[in-house]
Amino acid sequence: MPTRRELRRLIGDVTGDAMVLTATAAGTISTFADTARLADRGDRAASLVGKLLYFCEGTAANLGHEAAVTDFASSSRTLTFQPNAPAAVAQNDVAELWSTTERVGSVGAIHRLINYAIKQVEDVAGLEEYNTAATFNARTGLLAIPATWAEIGGAEWTASGGYVREVRDRWLRVRPAGRTLEIIGRGAALANRRSVRLYGYPRCLPLSADTDNTPVDAAWIVNSVAQALTLAPSWRASDPAAAERRANFWSTQAALFRREVRSARRGLGVSLP
């Protein structure tokens, strides 16, 4: 499953808005040198000055720091940025260089768009999971459905010898508002005093850290965010029509991939609040 960092970089690769830099030497609280990836620029290169530098790997104190590039020295291939980072840049620190002019306002905006794309499919993209097994009591007949699930599939009970049997749908009653599953009739008699576990599909959660991952299809997220990043600033672009054509392309791609977002599912298929 893709992490937030992987999704963000894919978005930057697809739109051409980001470049990943690795410090090839120790820097300071306001300088970052990369002799490998910044080799073909001149002093104060327009392709670098004014861009957004985002620290994402390496020195812990600097993670999440955003700064604007204010200068570039081609002789040492060193960026100067402001505001200062909390700690001096260490060799092998990793930062992303993002376009800001008429394009990306902040890395936070990209993260919000990623979570918005997840939100749109949160109930249909989760992968099947089981809850913790419990001994079933036919007298009460009720089992609690996990609060994180968006859909309940069904129930299974363990017979003698360890064989797992599925409770047939006709013996199951779902109470969505109460988030409970009731086993009735012969199903309750068979599962009584047996180990029973439910299976269902969790609601996909927003990503709050770079290492958080999601089961939502990466292609859907990347194309959806690429469309939004292109369309939102199109009105102030030097060629609005061209920007809108690019946005329409990503929108078409996103629509195609959204069809693949829904995970394969079995069982009752009852949605939960």
Protein backbone atom coordinates (compact mmCIF):
# COMPACT_ATOMS: atom_id res chain seq x y z
CA MET A 1 0.00 0.00 0.00
CA PRO A 2 1.39 3.43 -0.91
CA THR A 3 2.52 5.82 1.82
CA ARG A 4 1.76 9.53 1.85
CA ARG A 5 5.37 10.23 0.89
CA GLU A 6 5.18 7.88 -2.10
CA LEU A 7 1.88 9.40 -3.25
CA ARG A 8 3.18 12.95 -2.93
CA ARG A 9 6.28 12.17 -4.98
CA LEU A 10 4.25 10.38 -7.64
CA ILE A 11 2.05 13.45 -7.92
CA GLY A 12 5.14 15.63 -8.33
CA ASP A 13 6.57 13.27 -10.95
CA VAL A 14 3.33 13.12 -12.93
CA THR A 15 2.74 16.89 -12.96
CA GLY A 16 6.40 17.82 -13.28
CA ASP A 17 6.14 19.99 -10.17
CA ALA A 18 8.67 18.27 -7.90
CA MET A 19 12.27 17.10 -7.79
CA VAL A 20 13.74 14.99 -4.98
CA LEU A 21 17.13 16.20 -3.72
CA THR A 22 19.64 14.41 -1.49
CA ALA A 23 22.27 16.43 0.34
CA THR A 24 25.68 15.32 -0.95
CA ALA A 25 27.48 17.26 1.78
CA ALA A 26 26.68 18.76 5.16
CA GLY A 27 25.07 22.19 4.95
CA THR A 28 23.88 24.82 7.38
CA ILE A 29 20.52 25.89 8.73
CA SER A 30 19.98 27.85 5.50
CA THR A 31 21.90 25.96 2.78
CA PHE A 32 21.42 22.64 0.97
CA ALA A 33 23.91 21.22 -1.55
CA ASP A 34 23.26 18.48 -4.13
CA THR A 35 26.07 18.14 -6.65
CA ALA A 36 24.32 15.34 -8.57
CA ARG A 37 20.84 16.73 -9.26
CA LEU A 38 21.60 20.45 -9.46
CA ALA A 39 24.47 20.21 -11.93
CA ASP A 40 22.93 21.90 -14.98
CA ARG A 41 21.81 25.25 -13.51
CA GLY A 42 23.44 28.65 -13.52
CA ASP A 43 23.73 31.12 -10.64
CA ARG A 44 20.33 32.22 -9.31
CA ALA A 45 18.62 29.95 -11.84
CA ALA A 46 15.00 30.91 -12.38
CA SER A 47 14.07 27.22 -12.29
CA LEU A 48 15.22 27.08 -8.64
CA VAL A 49 14.84 30.48 -6.99
CA GLY A 50 11.36 30.95 -5.56
CA LYS A 51 10.57 27.27 -5.37
CA LEU A 52 9.42 25.51 -2.21
CA LEU A 53 11.89 23.27 -0.35
CA TYR A 54 10.28 20.61 1.83
CA PHE A 55 12.39 18.47 4.19
CA CYS A 56 11.05 14.93 4.31
CA GLU A 57 13.82 12.48 5.32
CA GLY A 58 16.93 12.64 7.48
CA THR A 59 17.51 15.05 10.38
CA ALA A 60 14.48 14.61 12.63
CA ALA A 61 14.26 18.25 13.71
CA ASN A 62 13.88 19.38 10.11
CA LEU A 63 11.14 16.98 9.00
CA GLY A 64 8.18 18.88 7.65
CA HIS A 65 10.06 22.18 7.42
CA GLU A 66 9.07 24.31 4.41
CA ALA A 67 11.22 27.11 3.04
CA ALA A 68 11.52 29.26 -0.08
CA VAL A 69 14.70 29.04 -2.16
CA THR A 70 16.26 32.51 -2.24
CA ASP A 71 19.55 31.87 -4.06
CA PHE A 72 21.61 29.25 -5.91
CA ALA A 73 25.38 29.08 -6.34
CA SER A 74 26.32 26.98 -9.37
CA SER A 75 29.99 26.57 -8.36
CA SER A 76 29.06 24.59 -5.24
CA ARG A 77 25.56 23.59 -6.42
CA THR A 78 24.13 24.96 -3.20
CA LEU A 79 20.65 26.29 -2.52
CA THR A 80 20.07 29.05 0.02
CA PHE A 81 16.65 29.07 1.65
CA GLN A 82 14.53 30.95 4.18
CA PRO A 83 13.24 30.61 6.83
CA ASN A 84 16.09 28.77 8.50
CA ALA A 85 15.68 25.08 9.30
CA PRO A 86 15.58 24.10 12.99
CA ALA A 87 18.87 22.18 12.61
CA ALA A 88 21.82 22.20 10.21
CA VAL A 89 21.36 20.08 7.07
CA ALA A 90 23.26 16.79 7.31
CA GLN A 91 24.70 14.74 4.48
CA ASN A 92 22.05 12.40 2.97
CA ASP A 93 19.15 14.51 4.20
CA VAL A 94 16.35 14.41 1.61
CA ALA A 95 14.21 17.35 0.52
CA GLU A 96 11.65 17.86 -2.21
CA LEU A 97 11.77 20.95 -4.42
CA TRP A 98 8.25 22.01 -5.44
CA SER A 99 6.98 24.59 -7.91
CA THR A 100 5.12 27.44 -6.25
CA THR A 101 4.48 30.02 -8.98
CA GLU A 102 0.83 29.69 -10.06
CA ARG A 103 0.94 26.04 -9.03
CA VAL A 104 1.55 24.52 -5.60
CA GLY A 105 0.89 26.84 -2.68
CA SER A 106 2.20 24.51 0.01
CA VAL A 107 2.91 20.86 0.68
CA GLY A 108 0.02 20.98 3.13
CA ALA A 109 -2.31 21.67 0.21
CA ILE A 110 -1.09 18.50 -1.52
CA HIS A 111 -1.70 16.50 1.65
CA ARG A 112 -5.24 17.89 1.91
CA LEU A 113 -5.94 16.95 -1.70
CA ILE A 114 -4.61 13.41 -1.10
CA ASN A 115 -6.95 13.03 1.87
CA TYR A 116 -9.83 14.50 -0.15
CA ALA A 117 -9.27 11.85 -2.84
CA ILE A 118 -9.30 9.16 -0.14
CA LYS A 119 -12.46 10.64 1.40
CA GLN A 120 -14.35 10.30 -1.88
CA VAL A 121 -13.88 6.50 -1.89
CA GLU A 122 -13.38 5.81 1.82
CA ASP A 123 -16.33 3.39 2.09
CA VAL A 124 -15.59 1.25 -0.97
CA ALA A 125 -11.81 0.80 -1.06
CA GLY A 126 -11.04 -0.87 2.28
CA LEU A 127 -9.65 -4.40 2.26
CA GLU A 128 -11.40 -7.26 4.03
CA GLU A 129 -10.46 -7.85 7.64
CA TYR A 130 -11.63 -9.92 10.61
CA ASN A 131 -12.43 -8.72 14.09
CA THR A 132 -11.16 -10.50 17.19
CA ALA A 133 -12.84 -13.87 17.65
CA ALA A 134 -15.19 -14.28 20.64
CA THR A 135 -17.29 -17.06 22.11
CA PHE A 136 -20.85 -16.72 20.80
CA ASN A 137 -23.82 -16.95 23.15
CA ALA A 138 -27.03 -17.99 21.38
CA ARG A 139 -29.10 -16.63 24.28
CA THR A 140 -28.18 -13.04 23.40
CA GLY A 141 -27.44 -13.70 19.73
CA LEU A 142 -25.71 -10.35 19.25
CA LEU A 143 -22.18 -9.51 18.15
CA ALA A 144 -20.70 -5.99 18.08
CA ILE A 145 -19.51 -4.72 14.71
CA PRO A 146 -16.19 -2.80 14.92
CA ALA A 147 -16.65 0.96 14.90
CA THR A 148 -14.09 1.40 12.11
CA TRP A 149 -15.97 -0.70 9.54
CA ALA A 150 -17.91 0.84 6.67
CA GLU A 151 -19.52 -2.43 5.57
CA ILE A 152 -20.27 -5.78 7.22
CA GLY A 153 -19.73 -8.96 5.23
CA GLY A 154 -20.75 -11.78 7.54
CA ALA A 155 -19.69 -14.17 10.29
CA GLU A 156 -17.72 -17.41 10.59
CA TRP A 157 -17.66 -19.97 13.40
CA THR A 158 -15.05 -22.60 14.23
CA ALA A 159 -16.28 -26.19 14.43
CA SER A 160 -14.67 -29.15 16.17
CA GLY A 161 -11.33 -29.98 14.66
CA GLY A 162 -10.67 -26.36 13.80
CA TYR A 163 -12.79 -26.24 10.66
CA VAL A 164 -14.10 -22.76 9.90
CA ARG A 165 -17.70 -22.53 8.72
CA GLU A 166 -19.52 -19.47 7.41
CA VAL A 167 -22.87 -18.55 8.92
CA ARG A 168 -25.34 -18.42 6.05
CA ASP A 169 -26.81 -15.04 5.17
CA ARG A 170 -30.37 -16.14 5.98
CA TRP A 171 -29.38 -16.58 9.62
CA LEU A 172 -27.92 -13.09 9.95
CA ARG A 173 -29.66 -9.83 10.85
CA VAL A 174 -27.78 -6.52 10.76
CA ARG A 175 -28.77 -3.55 12.91
CA PRO A 176 -26.75 -0.73 11.31
CA ALA A 177 -27.71 2.01 13.76
CA GLY A 178 -26.69 -0.14 16.71
CA ARG A 179 -23.69 -1.59 14.84
CA THR A 180 -24.62 -5.14 15.86
CA LEU A 181 -25.01 -8.42 13.99
CA GLU A 182 -27.58 -10.93 15.21
CA ILE A 183 -27.30 -14.67 14.48
CA ILE A 184 -30.67 -16.42 14.54
CA GLY A 185 -32.23 -19.84 13.95
CA ARG A 186 -30.07 -22.81 13.10
CA GLY A 187 -27.07 -20.54 12.62
CA ALA A 188 -27.23 -19.52 16.27
CA ALA A 189 -27.58 -23.14 17.38
CA LEU A 190 -24.54 -24.23 15.37
CA ALA A 191 -22.37 -21.32 16.56
CA ASN A 192 -23.46 -21.44 20.21
CA ARG A 193 -20.46 -21.59 22.56
CA ARG A 194 -18.17 -21.63 19.55
CA SER A 195 -15.51 -19.16 18.54
CA VAL A 196 -17.09 -16.66 16.13
CA ARG A 197 -15.50 -13.83 14.21
CA LEU A 198 -16.95 -11.26 11.87
CA TYR A 199 -15.49 -10.11 8.60
CA GLY A 200 -16.04 -6.71 7.05
CA TYR A 201 -14.48 -3.75 5.32
CA PRO A 202 -12.96 -0.81 7.22
CA ARG A 203 -13.46 2.81 6.29
CA CYS A 204 -10.26 4.22 4.76
CA LEU A 205 -8.65 6.80 7.01
CA PRO A 206 -6.92 10.08 6.07
CA LEU A 207 -3.12 10.12 6.11
CA SER A 208 -1.52 12.30 8.78
CA ALA A 209 2.15 11.28 8.50
CA ASP A 210 4.52 10.50 5.63
CA THR A 211 4.79 6.87 6.75
CA ASP A 212 1.00 6.34 6.90
CA ASN A 213 -0.31 4.16 4.06
CA THR A 214 -3.67 3.60 2.41
CA PRO A 215 -5.35 0.72 0.55
CA VAL A 216 -6.88 3.23 -1.90
CA ASP A 217 -5.59 2.78 -5.46
CA ALA A 218 -2.58 5.04 -6.02
CA ALA A 219 -3.48 5.79 -9.65
CA TRP A 220 -6.85 7.22 -8.59
CA ILE A 221 -5.28 9.45 -5.94
CA VAL A 222 -2.42 10.66 -8.15
CA ASN A 223 -4.61 11.52 -11.14
CA SER A 224 -7.30 13.10 -8.99
CA VAL A 225 -4.79 15.37 -7.23
CA ALA A 226 -2.97 16.16 -10.49
CA GLN A 227 -6.27 17.36 -11.96
CA ALA A 228 -6.97 19.58 -8.96
CA LEU A 229 -3.46 21.05 -8.91
CA THR A 230 -3.73 21.91 -12.59
CA LEU A 231 -7.29 23.24 -12.64
CA ALA A 232 -7.32 25.32 -9.44
CA PRO A 233 -4.70 27.90 -10.56
CA SER A 234 -5.64 27.83 -14.27
CA TRP A 235 -7.44 31.19 -14.09
CA ARG A 236 -4.18 33.00 -13.27
CA ALA A 237 -1.91 31.00 -15.59
CA SER A 238 -0.22 32.65 -18.57
CA ASP A 239 -2.19 30.27 -20.82
CA PRO A 240 -5.45 29.39 -19.00
CA ALA A 241 -6.81 27.36 -21.92
CA ALA A 242 -3.73 25.12 -21.98
CA ALA A 243 -3.94 24.64 -18.21
CA GLU A 244 -7.58 23.67 -18.47
CA ARG A 245 -6.82 21.16 -21.23
CA ARG A 246 -4.19 19.56 -18.98
CA ALA A 247 -6.68 19.49 -16.11
CA ASN A 248 -9.26 17.79 -18.34
CA PHE A 249 -6.71 15.14 -19.26
CA TRP A 250 -6.02 14.31 -15.60
CA SER A 251 -9.75 14.39 -14.86
CA THR A 252 -10.38 11.80 -17.59
CA GLN A 253 -7.58 9.62 -16.24
CA ALA A 254 -8.94 9.90 -12.71
CA ALA A 255 -12.42 8.86 -13.86
CA LEU A 256 -10.97 5.76 -15.52
CA PHE A 257 -9.01 4.70 -12.46
CA ARG A 258 -11.90 5.35 -10.06
CA ARG A 259 -13.64 2.34 -11.58
CA GLU A 260 -10.83 0.17 -10.23
CA VAL A 261 -10.93 1.59 -6.70
CA ARG A 262 -13.62 -0.65 -5.21
CA SER A 263 -12.16 -3.70 -3.49
CA ALA A 264 -13.49 -7.21 -4.18
CA ARG A 265 -16.11 -8.02 -1.57
CA ARG A 266 -18.25 -10.93 -0.39
CA GLY A 267 -21.08 -11.46 2.03
CA LEU A 268 -23.99 -9.28 3.06
CA GLY A 269 -22.72 -5.98 1.70
CA VAL A 270 -24.62 -3.94 4.31
CA SER A 271 -23.31 -0.38 4.65
CA LEU A 272 -22.79 1.04 8.13
CA PRO A 273 -23.09 4.60 9.42
